[in-house]
Amino acid sequence: MTPSDGPRQIPLDLGHQPGLSRDELVVSEANRQAVALVDSWPDWPATVVVLAGPAGSGKSHLAAIWAASADAVLLDPAGIESWVEGAPLEHPVVIDDADVGLDEHGLFHLINAARAAKTNVLLTSRRFPSAWGVRLPDLASRLQAAATVEILEPDDHLLAAVITKLFADRQVEVEPSVVQFLVRRIERSLSTAIDVVERLDRAALEQKSRITRALAAHTVNAMDRGQSELEL
């Protein structure tokens, strides 16, 4: 066995967080419009901006970039009103996954407070506001006036760049041929990319091996079988 055939040293899996800086953001046609809007702050067209896109499409990354540049406060969608009550709004606000368990009265008061303070509210969601099922008419009216930007499913360029970045976040190097194989074989979503990179990293750690095309094929096939079983 030659040195190149043996297992290489891989860092312990201590829990890896993806980098969320502006420099680490991958831009393609799928998210270019949303990136341009975030970069244009504070010259925003509306008090409220909504980034809408599928799970894992990079909404939270963009929200984190904006929060850092705007010195924004991150709020839980279910607990807005308790934060808004009794205090003037001093910072812009980010609400991630705003369509999940939304505090409608709280968001209505928050938008009014943002208008009064001449600041902004950034909301991320999987759906456009019209599909949130908002029951409060005044809030529905406010959301209709929001600037909504859609983030699309990733194209090949974005998916390949994100997979490469996810491995780099884990200090793992992979051959470009492995990345291209994954781009061709996995579901076209960033959430699936995150899942397959995590599985491959774990499998390589367990086997003390490199991440090869054969390991990638085995992992993707296992994911496909698991999905098929769920659909039965």
C-alpha atoms as a PDB file:
ATOM      1  CA  MET A   1       0.000   0.000   0.000  1.00  0.00           C
ATOM      2  CA  THR A   2       1.411   3.378  -0.959  1.00  0.00           C
ATOM      3  CA  PRO A   3       1.011   6.432   1.320  1.00  0.00           C
ATOM      4  CA  SER A   4      -1.599   7.879  -1.021  1.00  0.00           C
ATOM      5  CA  ASP A   5      -3.659   4.683  -0.739  1.00  0.00           C
ATOM      6  CA  GLY A   6      -3.892   4.798   3.033  1.00  0.00           C
ATOM      7  CA  PRO A   7      -6.389   6.685   5.158  1.00  0.00           C
ATOM      8  CA  ARG A   8      -5.668  10.361   5.603  1.00  0.00           C
ATOM      9  CA  GLN A   9      -5.982  12.245   8.854  1.00  0.00           C
ATOM     10  CA  ILE A  10      -9.415  13.781   9.331  1.00  0.00           C
ATOM     11  CA  PRO A  11     -10.331  16.206  12.134  1.00  0.00           C
ATOM     12  CA  LEU A  12     -12.649  14.994  14.874  1.00  0.00           C
ATOM     13  CA  ASP A  13     -16.293  15.790  14.189  1.00  0.00           C
ATOM     14  CA  LEU A  14     -16.950  18.306  16.944  1.00  0.00           C
ATOM     15  CA  GLY A  15     -19.973  19.930  15.364  1.00  0.00           C
ATOM     16  CA  HIS A  16     -19.499  22.201  12.372  1.00  0.00           C
ATOM     17  CA  GLN A  17     -21.246  25.477  11.715  1.00  0.00           C
ATOM     18  CA  PRO A  18     -21.304  26.855   8.175  1.00  0.00           C
ATOM     19  CA  GLY A  19     -19.614  30.200   7.639  1.00  0.00           C
ATOM     20  CA  LEU A  20     -22.152  32.998   7.315  1.00  0.00           C
ATOM     21  CA  SER A  21     -20.021  35.978   6.320  1.00  0.00           C
ATOM     22  CA  ARG A  22     -20.498  38.029   3.153  1.00  0.00           C
ATOM     23  CA  ASP A  23     -17.188  36.746   1.773  1.00  0.00           C
ATOM     24  CA  GLU A  24     -18.438  33.163   2.097  1.00  0.00           C
ATOM     25  CA  LEU A  25     -21.672  33.798   0.232  1.00  0.00           C
ATOM     26  CA  VAL A  26     -21.936  32.027  -3.112  1.00  0.00           C
ATOM     27  CA  VAL A  27     -23.807  34.108  -5.706  1.00  0.00           C
ATOM     28  CA  SER A  28     -25.520  32.748  -8.818  1.00  0.00           C
ATOM     29  CA  GLU A  29     -28.640  33.476 -10.848  1.00  0.00           C
ATOM     30  CA  ALA A  30     -30.677  31.614  -8.216  1.00  0.00           C
ATOM     31  CA  ASN A  31     -30.033  34.217  -5.504  1.00  0.00           C
ATOM     32  CA  ARG A  32     -28.567  37.213  -7.352  1.00  0.00           C
ATOM     33  CA  GLN A  33     -31.637  39.428  -6.926  1.00  0.00           C
ATOM     34  CA  ALA A  34     -31.864  38.724  -3.196  1.00  0.00           C
ATOM     35  CA  VAL A  35     -28.142  39.387  -2.722  1.00  0.00           C
ATOM     36  CA  ALA A  36     -28.420  42.682  -4.600  1.00  0.00           C
ATOM     37  CA  LEU A  37     -31.288  43.780  -2.355  1.00  0.00           C
ATOM     38  CA  VAL A  38     -29.429  42.895   0.844  1.00  0.00           C
ATOM     39  CA  ASP A  39     -26.317  44.706  -0.413  1.00  0.00           C
ATOM     40  CA  SER A  40     -28.360  47.808  -1.283  1.00  0.00           C
ATOM     41  CA  TRP A  41     -29.386  48.489   2.325  1.00  0.00           C
ATOM     42  CA  PRO A  42     -30.187  51.089   3.630  1.00  0.00           C
ATOM     43  CA  ASP A  43     -31.619  52.151   0.274  1.00  0.00           C
ATOM     44  CA  TRP A  44     -34.509  49.696   0.506  1.00  0.00           C
ATOM     45  CA  PRO A  45     -37.780  50.171  -1.397  1.00  0.00           C
ATOM     46  CA  ALA A  46     -39.987  49.358   1.611  1.00  0.00           C
ATOM     47  CA  THR A  47     -39.978  49.200   5.409  1.00  0.00           C
ATOM     48  CA  VAL A  48     -40.463  45.424   5.274  1.00  0.00           C
ATOM     49  CA  VAL A  49     -38.474  43.084   3.038  1.00  0.00           C
ATOM     50  CA  VAL A  50     -39.307  39.385   2.663  1.00  0.00           C
ATOM     51  CA  LEU A  51     -36.833  36.793   1.374  1.00  0.00           C
ATOM     52  CA  ALA A  52     -38.882  33.802   0.229  1.00  0.00           C
ATOM     53  CA  GLY A  53     -37.421  30.497  -0.880  1.00  0.00           C
ATOM     54  CA  PRO A  54     -37.252  26.754  -0.208  1.00  0.00           C
ATOM     55  CA  ALA A  55     -35.590  25.205   2.826  1.00  0.00           C
ATOM     56  CA  GLY A  56     -31.833  25.464   2.659  1.00  0.00           C
ATOM     57  CA  SER A  57     -31.828  28.047  -0.111  1.00  0.00           C
ATOM     58  CA  GLY A  58     -29.595  30.460   1.802  1.00  0.00           C
ATOM     59  CA  LYS A  59     -32.208  32.765   3.337  1.00  0.00           C
ATOM     60  CA  SER A  60     -30.681  32.547   6.803  1.00  0.00           C
ATOM     61  CA  HIS A  61     -27.195  33.237   5.409  1.00  0.00           C
ATOM     62  CA  LEU A  62     -28.441  36.405   3.718  1.00  0.00           C
ATOM     63  CA  ALA A  63     -30.336  37.410   6.866  1.00  0.00           C
ATOM     64  CA  ALA A  64     -27.163  36.941   8.939  1.00  0.00           C
ATOM     65  CA  ILE A  65     -25.169  39.078   6.518  1.00  0.00           C
ATOM     66  CA  TRP A  66     -27.736  41.859   6.690  1.00  0.00           C
ATOM     67  CA  ALA A  67     -28.057  41.609  10.476  1.00  0.00           C
ATOM     68  CA  ALA A  68     -24.308  42.076  10.844  1.00  0.00           C
ATOM     69  CA  SER A  69     -24.170  45.073   8.509  1.00  0.00           C
ATOM     70  CA  ALA A  70     -27.322  46.726   9.884  1.00  0.00           C
ATOM     71  CA  ASP A  71     -26.720  45.905  13.563  1.00  0.00           C
ATOM     72  CA  ALA A  72     -30.110  44.225  13.572  1.00  0.00           C
ATOM     73  CA  VAL A  73     -31.882  42.346  16.351  1.00  0.00           C
ATOM     74  CA  LEU A  74     -32.993  38.737  15.745  1.00  0.00           C
ATOM     75  CA  LEU A  75     -36.499  37.979  17.019  1.00  0.00           C
ATOM     76  CA  ASP A  76     -38.462  34.750  17.387  1.00  0.00           C
ATOM     77  CA  PRO A  77     -41.607  34.890  15.196  1.00  0.00           C
ATOM     78  CA  ALA A  78     -43.730  33.589  18.085  1.00  0.00           C
ATOM     79  CA  GLY A  79     -42.601  36.180  20.644  1.00  0.00           C
ATOM     80  CA  ILE A  80     -42.550  39.531  18.887  1.00  0.00           C
ATOM     81  CA  GLU A  81     -45.121  41.469  20.904  1.00  0.00           C
ATOM     82  CA  SER A  82     -43.407  40.971  24.268  1.00  0.00           C
ATOM     83  CA  TRP A  83     -40.255  42.525  22.794  1.00  0.00           C
ATOM     84  CA  VAL A  84     -42.015  45.436  21.079  1.00  0.00           C
ATOM     85  CA  GLU A  85     -44.167  46.519  24.018  1.00  0.00           C
ATOM     86  CA  GLY A  86     -43.037  49.527  25.980  1.00  0.00           C
ATOM     87  CA  ALA A  87     -39.849  50.355  24.115  1.00  0.00           C
ATOM     88  CA  PRO A  88     -39.078  52.471  21.045  1.00  0.00           C
ATOM     89  CA  LEU A  89     -37.455  50.599  18.187  1.00  0.00           C
ATOM     90  CA  GLU A  90     -33.717  51.373  18.193  1.00  0.00           C
ATOM     91  CA  HIS A  91     -32.429  48.728  15.765  1.00  0.00           C
ATOM     92  CA  PRO A  92     -33.537  47.052  12.553  1.00  0.00           C
ATOM     93  CA  VAL A  93     -35.071  43.609  13.084  1.00  0.00           C
ATOM     94  CA  VAL A  94     -34.649  40.165  11.501  1.00  0.00           C
ATOM     95  CA  ILE A  95     -37.249  37.416  11.851  1.00  0.00           C
ATOM     96  CA  ASP A  96     -36.157  34.082  10.388  1.00  0.00           C
ATOM     97  CA  ASP A  97     -38.848  31.556   9.356  1.00  0.00           C
ATOM     98  CA  ALA A  98     -41.480  34.229   9.865  1.00  0.00           C
ATOM     99  CA  ASP A  99     -44.257  32.009   8.513  1.00  0.00           C
ATOM    100  CA  VAL A 100     -43.840  29.471  11.346  1.00  0.00           C
ATOM    101  CA  GLY A 101     -45.893  30.192  14.476  1.00  0.00           C
ATOM    102  CA  LEU A 102     -46.175  33.878  13.647  1.00  0.00           C
ATOM    103  CA  ASP A 103     -47.275  36.344  16.340  1.00  0.00           C
ATOM    104  CA  GLU A 104     -49.538  38.393  14.058  1.00  0.00           C
ATOM    105  CA  HIS A 105     -50.349  41.190  16.478  1.00  0.00           C
ATOM    106  CA  GLY A 106     -46.704  41.437  17.437  1.00  0.00           C
ATOM    107  CA  LEU A 107     -45.566  41.710  13.816  1.00  0.00           C
ATOM    108  CA  PHE A 108     -48.221  44.343  13.091  1.00  0.00           C
ATOM    109  CA  HIS A 109     -46.996  46.489  15.998  1.00  0.00           C
ATOM    110  CA  LEU A 110     -43.369  45.861  15.016  1.00  0.00           C
ATOM    111  CA  ILE A 111     -43.940  47.065  11.459  1.00  0.00           C
ATOM    112  CA  ASN A 112     -45.663  50.199  12.767  1.00  0.00           C
ATOM    113  CA  ALA A 113     -42.756  50.817  15.153  1.00  0.00           C
ATOM    114  CA  ALA A 114     -40.255  50.333  12.318  1.00  0.00           C
ATOM    115  CA  ARG A 115     -42.139  52.857  10.190  1.00  0.00           C
ATOM    116  CA  ALA A 116     -42.103  55.369  13.023  1.00  0.00           C
ATOM    117  CA  ALA A 117     -38.378  54.828  13.631  1.00  0.00           C
ATOM    118  CA  LYS A 118     -37.625  54.910   9.878  1.00  0.00           C
ATOM    119  CA  THR A 119     -35.888  51.560  10.062  1.00  0.00           C
ATOM    120  CA  ASN A 120     -36.407  48.125   8.483  1.00  0.00           C
ATOM    121  CA  VAL A 121     -37.698  44.635   9.185  1.00  0.00           C
ATOM    122  CA  LEU A 122     -36.311  41.641   7.261  1.00  0.00           C
ATOM    123  CA  LEU A 123     -38.451  38.497   7.192  1.00  0.00           C
ATOM    124  CA  THR A 124     -37.462  35.121   5.747  1.00  0.00           C
ATOM    125  CA  SER A 125     -39.937  32.384   4.885  1.00  0.00           C
ATOM    126  CA  ARG A 126     -40.495  29.396   2.640  1.00  0.00           C
ATOM    127  CA  ARG A 127     -43.629  30.966   1.165  1.00  0.00           C
ATOM    128  CA  PHE A 128     -44.763  34.346  -0.075  1.00  0.00           C
ATOM    129  CA  PRO A 129     -46.696  36.355   2.569  1.00  0.00           C
ATOM    130  CA  SER A 130     -49.967  35.860   0.679  1.00  0.00           C
ATOM    131  CA  ALA A 131     -49.695  32.126   1.516  1.00  0.00           C
ATOM    132  CA  TRP A 132     -49.088  32.579   5.246  1.00  0.00           C
ATOM    133  CA  GLY A 133     -52.779  32.476   6.113  1.00  0.00           C
ATOM    134  CA  VAL A 134     -52.633  35.786   7.993  1.00  0.00           C
ATOM    135  CA  ARG A 135     -55.941  36.467   9.758  1.00  0.00           C
ATOM    136  CA  LEU A 136     -55.305  40.023  10.939  1.00  0.00           C
ATOM    137  CA  PRO A 137     -56.493  42.313   8.103  1.00  0.00           C
ATOM    138  CA  ASP A 138     -54.222  45.210   9.076  1.00  0.00           C
ATOM    139  CA  LEU A 139     -51.162  42.942   9.064  1.00  0.00           C
ATOM    140  CA  ALA A 140     -52.157  41.432   5.709  1.00  0.00           C
ATOM    141  CA  SER A 141     -52.301  44.979   4.337  1.00  0.00           C
ATOM    142  CA  ARG A 142     -48.838  45.778   5.720  1.00  0.00           C
ATOM    143  CA  LEU A 143     -47.393  42.584   4.191  1.00  0.00           C
ATOM    144  CA  GLN A 144     -48.901  43.399   0.808  1.00  0.00           C
ATOM    145  CA  ALA A 145     -46.765  46.555   0.823  1.00  0.00           C
ATOM    146  CA  ALA A 146     -43.590  44.594   1.601  1.00  0.00           C
ATOM    147  CA  ALA A 147     -40.834  44.112  -0.966  1.00  0.00           C
ATOM    148  CA  THR A 148     -40.675  40.355  -1.575  1.00  0.00           C
ATOM    149  CA  VAL A 149     -37.755  38.690  -3.328  1.00  0.00           C
ATOM    150  CA  GLU A 150     -37.769  35.020  -4.312  1.00  0.00           C
ATOM    151  CA  ILE A 151     -34.696  32.804  -3.975  1.00  0.00           C
ATOM    152  CA  LEU A 152     -34.821  29.960  -6.471  1.00  0.00           C
ATOM    153  CA  GLU A 153     -33.618  26.377  -6.227  1.00  0.00           C
ATOM    154  CA  PRO A 154     -29.841  26.332  -6.793  1.00  0.00           C
ATOM    155  CA  ASP A 155     -28.399  25.953 -10.298  1.00  0.00           C
ATOM    156  CA  ASP A 156     -25.389  23.695 -10.989  1.00  0.00           C
ATOM    157  CA  HIS A 157     -22.858  26.456 -10.325  1.00  0.00           C
ATOM    158  CA  LEU A 158     -24.364  27.412  -6.980  1.00  0.00           C
ATOM    159  CA  LEU A 159     -24.885  23.823  -5.839  1.00  0.00           C
ATOM    160  CA  ALA A 160     -21.300  22.838  -6.694  1.00  0.00           C
ATOM    161  CA  ALA A 161     -19.876  25.907  -4.962  1.00  0.00           C
ATOM    162  CA  VAL A 162     -21.991  25.335  -1.861  1.00  0.00           C
ATOM    163  CA  ILE A 163     -21.033  21.645  -1.616  1.00  0.00           C
ATOM    164  CA  THR A 164     -17.356  22.616  -1.890  1.00  0.00           C
ATOM    165  CA  LYS A 165     -17.833  25.271   0.787  1.00  0.00           C
ATOM    166  CA  LEU A 166     -19.671  22.872   3.119  1.00  0.00           C
ATOM    167  CA  PHE A 167     -16.756  20.448   2.932  1.00  0.00           C
ATOM    168  CA  ALA A 168     -14.308  23.315   3.481  1.00  0.00           C
ATOM    169  CA  ASP A 169     -16.258  24.378   6.589  1.00  0.00           C
ATOM    170  CA  ARG A 170     -15.461  20.888   7.914  1.00  0.00           C
ATOM    171  CA  GLN A 171     -11.801  21.130   6.860  1.00  0.00           C
ATOM    172  CA  VAL A 172     -12.337  18.309   4.362  1.00  0.00           C
ATOM    173  CA  GLU A 173     -10.949  18.353   0.833  1.00  0.00           C
ATOM    174  CA  VAL A 174     -12.729  16.442  -1.934  1.00  0.00           C
ATOM    175  CA  GLU A 175     -11.924  15.924  -5.588  1.00  0.00           C
ATOM    176  CA  PRO A 176     -13.902  18.081  -8.068  1.00  0.00           C
ATOM    177  CA  SER A 177     -15.167  14.858  -9.676  1.00  0.00           C
ATOM    178  CA  VAL A 178     -16.875  13.925  -6.393  1.00  0.00           C
ATOM    179  CA  VAL A 179     -18.525  17.330  -6.188  1.00  0.00           C
ATOM    180  CA  GLN A 180     -19.762  17.083  -9.786  1.00  0.00           C
ATOM    181  CA  PHE A 181     -21.120  13.592  -9.105  1.00  0.00           C
ATOM    182  CA  LEU A 182     -23.098  14.939  -6.150  1.00  0.00           C
ATOM    183  CA  VAL A 183     -24.432  17.839  -8.221  1.00  0.00           C
ATOM    184  CA  ARG A 184     -25.756  15.370 -10.800  1.00  0.00           C
ATOM    185  CA  ARG A 185     -27.206  12.898  -8.306  1.00  0.00           C
ATOM    186  CA  ILE A 186     -28.714  14.673  -5.312  1.00  0.00           C
ATOM    187  CA  GLU A 187     -31.979  16.559  -5.073  1.00  0.00           C
ATOM    188  CA  ARG A 188     -31.503  20.133  -6.242  1.00  0.00           C
ATOM    189  CA  SER A 189     -31.736  21.830  -2.867  1.00  0.00           C
ATOM    190  CA  LEU A 190     -29.234  23.255  -0.427  1.00  0.00           C
ATOM    191  CA  SER A 191     -30.828  21.389   2.475  1.00  0.00           C
ATOM    192  CA  THR A 192     -30.052  18.090   0.709  1.00  0.00           C
ATOM    193  CA  ALA A 193     -26.506  19.297   0.035  1.00  0.00           C
ATOM    194  CA  ILE A 194     -26.049  19.980   3.743  1.00  0.00           C
ATOM    195  CA  ASP A 195     -27.414  16.521   4.573  1.00  0.00           C
ATOM    196  CA  VAL A 196     -25.202  14.617   2.107  1.00  0.00           C
ATOM    197  CA  VAL A 197     -22.042  16.470   3.140  1.00  0.00           C
ATOM    198  CA  GLU A 198     -22.744  15.667   6.803  1.00  0.00           C
ATOM    199  CA  ARG A 199     -23.356  11.987   5.980  1.00  0.00           C
ATOM    200  CA  LEU A 200     -20.217  11.720   3.865  1.00  0.00           C
ATOM    201  CA  ASP A 201     -18.061  13.386   6.485  1.00  0.00           C
ATOM    202  CA  ARG A 202     -19.419  11.044   9.167  1.00  0.00           C
ATOM    203  CA  ALA A 203     -18.938   7.960   6.958  1.00  0.00           C
ATOM    204  CA  ALA A 204     -15.363   8.952   6.146  1.00  0.00           C
ATOM    205  CA  LEU A 205     -14.608   9.483   9.835  1.00  0.00           C
ATOM    206  CA  GLU A 206     -16.052   6.096  10.731  1.00  0.00           C
ATOM    207  CA  GLN A 207     -14.189   4.310   7.934  1.00  0.00           C
ATOM    208  CA  LYS A 208     -11.015   6.395   8.298  1.00  0.00           C
ATOM    209  CA  SER A 209     -11.041   6.892   4.547  1.00  0.00           C
ATOM    210  CA  ARG A 210     -11.055   9.652   1.980  1.00  0.00           C
ATOM    211  CA  ILE A 211     -14.342  10.818   0.480  1.00  0.00           C
ATOM    212  CA  THR A 212     -14.296   9.068  -2.864  1.00  0.00           C
ATOM    213  CA  ARG A 213     -16.799   8.834  -5.682  1.00  0.00           C
ATOM    214  CA  ALA A 214     -17.584   5.267  -4.576  1.00  0.00           C
ATOM    215  CA  LEU A 215     -18.366   6.437  -1.033  1.00  0.00           C
ATOM    216  CA  ALA A 216     -20.449   9.285  -2.433  1.00  0.00           C
ATOM    217  CA  ALA A 217     -22.416   6.862  -4.627  1.00  0.00           C
ATOM    218  CA  HIS A 218     -23.023   4.509  -1.701  1.00  0.00           C
ATOM    219  CA  THR A 219     -24.212   7.387   0.498  1.00  0.00           C
ATOM    220  CA  VAL A 220     -26.519   8.898  -2.126  1.00  0.00           C
ATOM    221  CA  ASN A 221     -28.002   5.465  -2.918  1.00  0.00           C
ATOM    222  CA  ALA A 222     -28.693   4.927   0.778  1.00  0.00           C
ATOM    223  CA  MET A 223     -30.406   8.320   0.954  1.00  0.00           C
ATOM    224  CA  ASP A 224     -32.511   7.429  -2.093  1.00  0.00           C
ATOM    225  CA  ARG A 225     -33.553   4.095  -0.537  1.00  0.00           C
ATOM    226  CA  GLY A 226     -34.510   5.848   2.682  1.00  0.00           C
ATOM    227  CA  GLN A 227     -36.650   8.359   0.793  1.00  0.00           C
ATOM    228  CA  SER A 228     -38.354   5.566  -1.160  1.00  0.00           C
ATOM    229  CA  GLU A 229     -39.212   3.777   2.060  1.00  0.00           C
ATOM    230  CA  LEU A 230     -40.765   6.941   3.455  1.00  0.00           C
ATOM    231  CA  GLU A 231     -42.940   7.280   0.356  1.00  0.00           C
ATOM    232  CA  LEU A 232     -44.343   3.742   0.633  1.00  0.00           C
END
